[in-house]
Amino acid sequence: MRSTRVLAFGDRLRVLIVDDSVVIRRAISLALEDDPQIEVVGVASSGELALQKVDQLNPDVVTLDVEMPGMNGLDTLSELRKRRPNLRIVMLSSLTQSGAEVTMEALARGADDCASKSSGGSSISESVATLRLELTGKIKQFFHFGQPVVSMAKPVLAEGRPVPSAAIEAVVLGISTGGPTALASLIPALGNRFDLPILIVQHMPPMFTKLLAERLDAQSQLKVLEAEAGMLVESGKVYIAPGDFHMRLQQTAKGVEISTDQGPKENCCRPAVDVLFRSAAEVYGKHVAAVIMTGMGQDGCAGARSLWAKGAPIFAQDEATSVVFGMPGEIVRANLADQILSLEEIPKALLALNKRPKL
């Protein structure tokens, strides 16, 4: 696991931009150059040149184009991982089917995160503003500025309530940066013995969530699918919220049903973990377990408060195995975690819940 580096006061993150388009390279440079904590130390127009410049410039972060002539983004990523295992790499792609497919492969090969090159604007200034909003947080999420965050890696019990012991009927899970790789470890580890439904919010744009579901389905004995409005929640199935749609649960005469909507973003996210968690608290009460895993920001913390108040068990991934300890760290600091577990321990905890007798 790549460590989260602490930067001293006044230090700036050194970023190398790799893209075959001079327009994109310029737009990314403009998007990043106004941030006082980021320094663009160089640009490269090809994978071959990127490898040379990484050795020359020693960047902290590389933004890497997915599709380039010659040495493409995937090959460049693989070579960078061999040479610089601790280098942070953010893949940039267009919001197309082919771009999404290659990006998913890049995440599986060890890229730390991904971002869209889609400008979303009709002018250069709008395009730069969109890139700035998309990229700066993703670049800075891997670093602490100033004093390091105190590690809280040992399992603890949330104070103020007894150990949750109710029978569990479903699992809700929130995850972001580092999610595809973590889920590829977690879901297959459950084997075919897990008969609770799992509902997942993974922060990803449209197309990516469908591809993620297909990849996990191929790797797992459980059925994994991208959720759709009107689906009934069934035992032993894994549902991933569709990109750009919130996923909610509601009790109907037929059973628990999934609904999706494009309501306002929460925590700058859609889908948002908080939305799923709040609805799960209303539908299941204490009979649902929540898992908050690797990711940037605080999405999931407010929803976890609703679940905690109902008596639902809450698990947080530990710092040592998280790519980014933002989301689980917020749960821990808010004293909402019943247990803090490593990535390897999470499937064991879920399988233990699976064995609780149904009431």
Protein backbone atom coordinates (compact mmCIF):
# COMPACT_ATOMS: atom_id res chain seq x y z
CA MET A 1 0.00 0.00 0.00
CA ARG A 2 1.43 3.38 -1.01
CA SER A 3 1.84 5.62 2.02
CA THR A 4 0.29 9.07 2.46
CA ARG A 5 3.17 11.54 2.47
CA VAL A 6 3.27 14.56 4.77
CA LEU A 7 4.42 17.80 3.17
CA ALA A 8 6.20 20.39 5.29
CA PHE A 9 4.88 23.95 5.46
CA GLY A 10 5.59 25.71 2.17
CA ASP A 11 6.22 22.52 0.19
CA ARG A 12 4.32 22.11 -3.07
CA LEU A 13 3.17 18.95 -4.83
CA ARG A 14 5.20 18.33 -7.95
CA VAL A 15 2.97 17.31 -10.88
CA LEU A 16 3.96 15.99 -14.31
CA ILE A 17 1.25 16.22 -17.00
CA VAL A 18 1.30 13.52 -19.71
CA ASP A 19 -1.00 13.91 -22.72
CA ASP A 20 -0.49 13.82 -26.47
CA SER A 21 -2.77 16.85 -26.97
CA VAL A 22 -1.11 20.24 -26.57
CA VAL A 23 -4.53 21.77 -25.89
CA ILE A 24 -5.23 19.38 -23.01
CA ARG A 25 -1.73 19.82 -21.57
CA ARG A 26 -2.22 23.58 -21.57
CA ALA A 27 -5.70 23.36 -20.06
CA ILE A 28 -4.52 21.09 -17.23
CA SER A 29 -1.55 23.37 -16.56
CA LEU A 30 -3.83 26.40 -16.33
CA ALA A 31 -6.21 24.47 -14.08
CA LEU A 32 -3.48 23.60 -11.59
CA GLU A 33 -1.11 26.55 -11.64
CA ASP A 34 -3.22 28.85 -9.41
CA ASP A 35 -3.24 26.39 -6.51
CA PRO A 36 -0.49 27.44 -4.05
CA GLN A 37 0.07 23.81 -2.99
CA ILE A 38 0.64 22.47 -6.52
CA GLU A 39 3.56 23.03 -8.89
CA VAL A 40 3.47 21.78 -12.48
CA VAL A 41 7.10 20.73 -12.96
CA GLY A 42 6.77 19.53 -16.52
CA VAL A 43 4.71 18.15 -19.38
CA ALA A 44 5.21 15.19 -21.71
CA SER A 45 3.53 14.40 -25.01
CA SER A 46 4.13 10.63 -25.00
CA GLY A 47 4.65 7.69 -22.71
CA GLU A 48 8.30 7.36 -23.72
CA LEU A 49 8.97 11.00 -22.88
CA ALA A 50 7.04 10.66 -19.62
CA LEU A 51 9.40 7.91 -18.42
CA GLN A 52 12.40 10.16 -19.12
CA LYS A 53 10.88 13.16 -17.37
CA VAL A 54 9.85 11.18 -14.29
CA ASP A 55 13.52 10.29 -13.79
CA GLN A 56 14.62 13.88 -14.43
CA LEU A 57 11.95 15.78 -12.47
CA ASN A 58 11.00 13.38 -9.66
CA PRO A 59 7.30 14.35 -9.48
CA ASP A 60 4.94 13.39 -6.69
CA VAL A 61 1.98 12.92 -9.05
CA VAL A 62 1.57 12.11 -12.73
CA THR A 63 -1.63 12.86 -14.62
CA LEU A 64 -1.61 10.27 -17.39
CA ASP A 65 -3.63 10.24 -20.59
CA VAL A 66 -5.32 6.90 -21.22
CA GLU A 67 -5.16 6.93 -25.01
CA MET A 68 -1.86 7.96 -26.64
CA PRO A 69 -0.12 6.88 -29.83
CA GLY A 70 3.01 4.79 -29.45
CA MET A 71 3.42 3.83 -25.80
CA ASN A 72 -0.16 4.08 -24.57
CA GLY A 73 -1.37 4.97 -21.11
CA LEU A 74 -1.63 1.38 -19.89
CA ASP A 75 1.90 0.49 -20.94
CA THR A 76 3.23 3.71 -19.46
CA LEU A 77 1.39 3.02 -16.21
CA SER A 78 2.85 -0.49 -15.96
CA GLU A 79 6.37 0.79 -16.52
CA LEU A 80 5.96 3.63 -14.03
CA ARG A 81 4.71 1.20 -11.41
CA LYS A 82 7.87 -0.89 -11.88
CA ARG A 83 10.20 2.10 -11.63
CA ARG A 84 8.35 4.23 -9.07
CA PRO A 85 5.99 2.10 -6.97
CA ASN A 86 5.12 5.01 -4.64
CA LEU A 87 4.38 7.51 -7.39
CA ARG A 88 0.76 8.67 -7.40
CA ILE A 89 -0.88 8.31 -10.83
CA VAL A 90 -4.21 9.81 -11.87
CA MET A 91 -5.55 8.57 -15.22
CA LEU A 92 -7.36 11.02 -17.50
CA SER A 93 -9.84 9.79 -20.09
CA SER A 94 -12.76 10.92 -22.19
CA LEU A 95 -16.26 9.94 -21.06
CA THR A 96 -16.65 7.31 -23.79
CA GLN A 97 -17.17 3.57 -23.66
CA SER A 98 -13.65 2.85 -24.86
CA GLY A 99 -12.17 5.45 -22.52
CA ALA A 100 -14.05 3.95 -19.57
CA GLU A 101 -12.94 0.42 -20.43
CA VAL A 102 -9.26 1.37 -20.62
CA THR A 103 -9.51 3.42 -17.43
CA MET A 104 -11.04 0.48 -15.55
CA GLU A 105 -8.13 -1.66 -16.71
CA ALA A 106 -5.72 1.07 -15.54
CA LEU A 107 -7.29 1.10 -12.08
CA ALA A 108 -6.95 -2.68 -11.95
CA ARG A 109 -3.26 -2.32 -12.85
CA GLY A 110 -2.55 0.08 -10.02
CA ALA A 111 -3.57 3.62 -11.02
CA ASP A 112 -4.57 5.55 -7.91
CA ASP A 113 -7.58 7.40 -9.34
CA CYS A 114 -9.16 8.63 -12.55
CA ALA A 115 -10.63 11.88 -13.83
CA SER A 116 -12.47 13.02 -16.92
CA LYS A 117 -10.93 15.15 -19.67
CA SER A 118 -14.41 16.22 -20.74
CA SER A 119 -14.32 20.00 -20.51
CA GLY A 120 -18.04 20.48 -20.00
CA GLY A 121 -17.69 24.11 -21.08
CA SER A 122 -18.04 26.17 -24.22
CA SER A 123 -14.98 28.37 -23.56
CA ILE A 124 -11.39 27.87 -22.49
CA SER A 125 -12.07 29.51 -19.13
CA GLU A 126 -15.04 27.21 -18.47
CA SER A 127 -13.02 24.16 -19.48
CA VAL A 128 -10.16 25.16 -17.20
CA ALA A 129 -12.58 25.80 -14.32
CA THR A 130 -14.13 22.35 -14.78
CA LEU A 131 -10.71 20.67 -14.87
CA ARG A 132 -9.63 22.61 -11.78
CA LEU A 133 -12.67 21.39 -9.87
CA GLU A 134 -12.12 17.82 -11.06
CA LEU A 135 -8.38 17.52 -10.64
CA THR A 136 -7.04 19.53 -7.71
CA GLY A 137 -8.83 17.50 -5.04
CA LYS A 138 -7.88 14.22 -6.68
CA ILE A 139 -4.21 15.24 -6.78
CA LYS A 140 -4.07 16.55 -3.20
CA GLN A 141 -6.04 13.70 -1.60
CA PHE A 142 -2.93 11.52 -1.29
CA PHE A 143 -1.01 13.98 0.87
CA HIS A 144 -1.20 15.63 4.28
CA PHE A 145 -0.17 19.26 4.51
CA GLY A 146 1.51 20.11 7.82
CA GLN A 147 1.09 17.74 10.75
CA PRO A 148 0.41 14.07 9.96
CA VAL A 149 -2.99 12.65 10.80
CA VAL A 150 -2.85 10.44 13.89
CA SER A 151 -3.20 6.82 12.85
CA MET A 152 -6.10 4.86 14.34
CA ALA A 153 -5.47 1.39 12.97
CA LYS A 154 -6.61 -0.79 15.91
CA PRO A 155 -10.22 -1.97 16.13
CA VAL A 156 -12.26 -0.02 18.67
CA LEU A 157 -15.85 -0.05 19.84
CA ALA A 158 -18.01 3.02 19.34
CA GLU A 159 -18.86 4.47 22.74
CA GLY A 160 -22.36 5.24 23.88
CA ARG A 161 -24.25 2.10 22.88
CA PRO A 162 -24.07 -1.67 23.38
CA VAL A 163 -22.49 -4.02 20.84
CA PRO A 164 -24.99 -4.37 17.95
CA SER A 165 -26.42 -7.88 17.97
CA ALA A 166 -29.59 -7.78 15.85
CA ALA A 167 -30.00 -10.11 12.89
CA ILE A 168 -28.75 -8.42 9.71
CA GLU A 169 -30.86 -8.34 6.56
CA ALA A 170 -28.63 -6.28 4.24
CA VAL A 171 -25.25 -4.57 3.90
CA VAL A 172 -24.71 -1.01 2.61
CA LEU A 173 -21.24 0.06 1.55
CA GLY A 174 -19.67 3.41 0.62
CA ILE A 175 -16.35 3.67 -1.20
CA SER A 176 -14.45 6.03 -3.49
CA THR A 177 -10.74 6.39 -4.36
CA GLY A 178 -9.15 2.95 -4.50
CA GLY A 179 -12.58 1.36 -4.63
CA PRO A 180 -12.35 -0.86 -7.74
CA THR A 181 -9.25 -2.63 -6.45
CA ALA A 182 -10.63 -2.94 -2.90
CA LEU A 183 -13.94 -4.31 -4.14
CA ALA A 184 -12.11 -6.77 -6.37
CA SER A 185 -10.57 -8.13 -3.17
CA LEU A 186 -13.68 -7.98 -1.00
CA ILE A 187 -16.52 -9.34 -3.15
CA PRO A 188 -14.78 -12.50 -4.45
CA ALA A 189 -13.63 -13.26 -0.88
CA LEU A 190 -17.28 -13.71 0.16
CA GLY A 191 -17.50 -16.82 -2.02
CA ASN A 192 -20.97 -18.21 -2.63
CA ARG A 193 -21.94 -18.52 1.03
CA PHE A 194 -23.08 -14.94 1.52
CA ASP A 195 -26.85 -14.67 1.33
CA LEU A 196 -27.34 -11.01 2.32
CA PRO A 197 -27.84 -8.33 -0.34
CA ILE A 198 -25.02 -5.77 -0.62
CA LEU A 199 -25.75 -2.25 -1.91
CA ILE A 200 -22.73 -0.19 -2.92
CA VAL A 201 -22.14 3.45 -3.71
CA GLN A 202 -18.82 3.82 -5.56
CA HIS A 203 -18.02 7.36 -6.65
CA MET A 204 -17.72 6.97 -10.42
CA PRO A 205 -19.18 8.61 -13.51
CA PRO A 206 -21.69 6.98 -15.90
CA MET A 207 -20.45 3.94 -17.85
CA PHE A 208 -17.74 3.27 -15.27
CA THR A 209 -20.17 1.78 -12.74
CA LYS A 210 -21.62 -0.63 -15.28
CA LEU A 211 -18.14 -1.77 -16.28
CA LEU A 212 -17.20 -2.13 -12.61
CA ALA A 213 -20.25 -4.31 -11.99
CA GLU A 214 -19.42 -6.48 -15.00
CA ARG A 215 -15.80 -6.93 -13.87
CA LEU A 216 -16.78 -7.85 -10.33
CA ASP A 217 -19.48 -10.21 -11.59
CA ALA A 218 -16.91 -12.05 -13.70
CA GLN A 219 -14.52 -12.33 -10.74
CA SER A 220 -17.07 -13.33 -8.07
CA GLN A 221 -19.43 -16.17 -7.26
CA LEU A 222 -22.05 -13.65 -6.15
CA LYS A 223 -24.18 -11.91 -8.78
CA VAL A 224 -23.02 -8.31 -9.22
CA LEU A 225 -25.03 -5.82 -11.26
CA GLU A 226 -25.51 -2.11 -11.81
CA ALA A 227 -28.69 -1.12 -9.97
CA GLU A 228 -31.77 0.06 -11.85
CA ALA A 229 -34.92 1.78 -10.62
CA GLY A 230 -37.61 -0.74 -9.67
CA MET A 231 -35.25 -3.61 -8.90
CA LEU A 232 -36.20 -5.65 -5.84
CA VAL A 233 -33.36 -6.21 -3.37
CA GLU A 234 -32.65 -9.94 -3.37
CA SER A 235 -30.50 -12.09 -1.11
CA GLY A 236 -26.99 -12.88 -2.26
CA LYS A 237 -26.86 -10.14 -4.91
CA VAL A 238 -24.59 -7.10 -5.09
CA TYR A 239 -26.02 -3.83 -6.42
CA ILE A 240 -23.81 -0.92 -7.52
CA ALA A 241 -25.39 2.54 -7.77
CA PRO A 242 -25.34 3.84 -11.36
CA GLY A 243 -23.03 6.75 -12.09
CA ASP A 244 -24.66 10.19 -11.77
CA PHE A 245 -27.71 8.74 -9.97
CA HIS A 246 -28.44 8.57 -6.26
CA MET A 247 -29.59 5.14 -5.10
CA ARG A 248 -32.29 4.91 -2.43
CA LEU A 249 -34.20 2.06 -0.81
CA GLN A 250 -37.92 1.96 -0.14
CA GLN A 251 -40.25 -0.60 1.39
CA THR A 252 -43.03 -1.70 -0.94
CA ALA A 253 -45.69 -4.40 -0.90
CA LYS A 254 -43.35 -6.55 -3.01
CA GLY A 255 -40.34 -6.06 -0.74
CA VAL A 256 -37.43 -3.62 -0.54
CA GLU A 257 -37.12 -1.80 -3.86
CA ILE A 258 -34.37 0.32 -5.38
CA SER A 259 -35.12 3.81 -6.66
CA THR A 260 -32.72 6.12 -8.47
CA ASP A 261 -32.81 9.86 -9.08
CA GLN A 262 -30.71 12.81 -10.12
CA GLY A 263 -31.46 14.96 -7.12
CA PRO A 264 -28.93 17.55 -5.92
CA LYS A 265 -25.41 16.34 -5.29
CA GLU A 266 -24.42 15.72 -1.68
CA ASN A 267 -20.79 16.18 -0.62
CA CYS A 268 -20.22 17.11 -4.28
CA CYS A 269 -21.21 13.54 -5.19
CA ARG A 270 -23.92 11.79 -7.16
CA PRO A 271 -24.34 8.98 -6.27
CA ALA A 272 -23.78 9.87 -2.63
CA VAL A 273 -23.21 7.41 0.19
CA ASP A 274 -25.23 9.55 2.60
CA VAL A 275 -28.34 9.18 0.44
CA LEU A 276 -28.13 5.38 0.46
CA PHE A 277 -27.31 5.19 4.17
CA ARG A 278 -30.23 7.42 5.21
CA SER A 279 -32.72 5.38 3.22
CA ALA A 280 -31.26 2.12 4.59
CA ALA A 281 -31.74 3.42 8.14
CA GLU A 282 -35.41 4.11 7.38
CA VAL A 283 -36.05 0.74 5.73
CA TYR A 284 -33.94 -1.64 7.81
CA GLY A 285 -33.28 0.19 11.09
CA LYS A 286 -30.81 -1.83 13.17
CA HIS A 287 -31.04 -4.81 10.80
CA VAL A 288 -28.52 -3.41 8.30
CA ALA A 289 -24.73 -3.25 8.51
CA ALA A 290 -22.74 -0.36 7.03
CA VAL A 291 -19.18 -0.47 5.69
CA ILE A 292 -17.20 2.68 4.86
CA MET A 293 -14.06 2.04 2.86
CA THR A 294 -11.22 3.89 1.18
CA GLY A 295 -12.06 7.27 -0.33
CA MET A 296 -11.60 11.03 -0.27
CA GLY A 297 -13.86 13.38 1.67
CA GLN A 298 -16.59 12.80 4.24
CA ASP A 299 -19.42 11.26 2.23
CA GLY A 300 -21.10 8.61 4.37
CA CYS A 301 -20.50 10.22 7.75
CA ALA A 302 -23.89 11.97 8.05
CA GLY A 303 -25.68 8.85 6.81
CA ALA A 304 -23.73 6.73 9.27
CA ARG A 305 -25.05 8.90 12.10
CA SER A 306 -28.59 7.92 11.07
CA LEU A 307 -27.62 4.24 11.06
CA TRP A 308 -25.76 4.53 14.37
CA ALA A 309 -28.86 6.06 15.98
CA LYS A 310 -30.88 3.03 14.85
CA GLY A 311 -28.36 0.62 16.38
CA ALA A 312 -26.93 -0.67 13.09
CA PRO A 313 -23.33 -1.98 13.18
CA ILE A 314 -20.80 0.20 11.35
CA PHE A 315 -17.40 -0.92 10.08
CA ALA A 316 -14.60 1.33 8.78
CA GLN A 317 -11.60 0.28 6.73
CA ASP A 318 -8.31 0.99 8.49
CA GLU A 319 -5.78 3.59 7.41
CA ALA A 320 -3.05 1.09 6.60
CA THR A 321 -5.04 -0.61 3.81
CA SER A 322 -6.92 2.48 2.54
CA VAL A 323 -5.62 4.28 -0.53
CA VAL A 324 -7.14 7.41 1.03
CA PHE A 325 -8.31 7.45 4.67
CA GLY A 326 -10.74 10.34 4.17
CA MET A 327 -14.15 8.66 4.30
CA PRO A 328 -13.34 5.93 6.83
CA GLY A 329 -11.25 8.39 8.82
CA GLU A 330 -14.27 10.69 9.24
CA ILE A 331 -16.27 7.77 10.63
CA VAL A 332 -13.50 6.93 13.10
CA ARG A 333 -13.02 10.53 14.25
CA ALA A 334 -16.78 10.86 14.75
CA ASN A 335 -16.66 7.75 16.98
CA LEU A 336 -19.19 5.95 14.79
CA ALA A 337 -17.13 2.85 13.99
CA ASP A 338 -17.93 -0.34 15.89
CA GLN A 339 -14.81 -1.85 14.36
CA ILE A 340 -11.88 -0.60 12.27
CA LEU A 341 -10.84 -3.42 9.99
CA SER A 342 -8.17 -4.10 7.39
CA LEU A 343 -9.25 -4.89 3.86
CA GLU A 344 -8.54 -8.56 4.54
CA GLU A 345 -10.67 -8.55 7.71
CA ILE A 346 -13.78 -6.96 6.19
CA PRO A 347 -15.07 -10.07 4.34
CA LYS A 348 -14.57 -12.13 7.52
CA ALA A 349 -16.67 -9.63 9.48
CA LEU A 350 -19.41 -9.71 6.85
CA LEU A 351 -19.45 -13.51 6.76
CA ALA A 352 -19.83 -13.49 10.55
CA LEU A 353 -22.89 -11.23 10.18
CA ASN A 354 -24.24 -13.66 7.62
CA LYS A 355 -24.30 -16.39 10.27
CA ARG A 356 -26.47 -14.49 12.76
CA PRO A 357 -29.83 -16.24 13.19
CA LYS A 358 -32.74 -14.46 11.53
CA LEU A 359 -35.45 -13.29 13.94
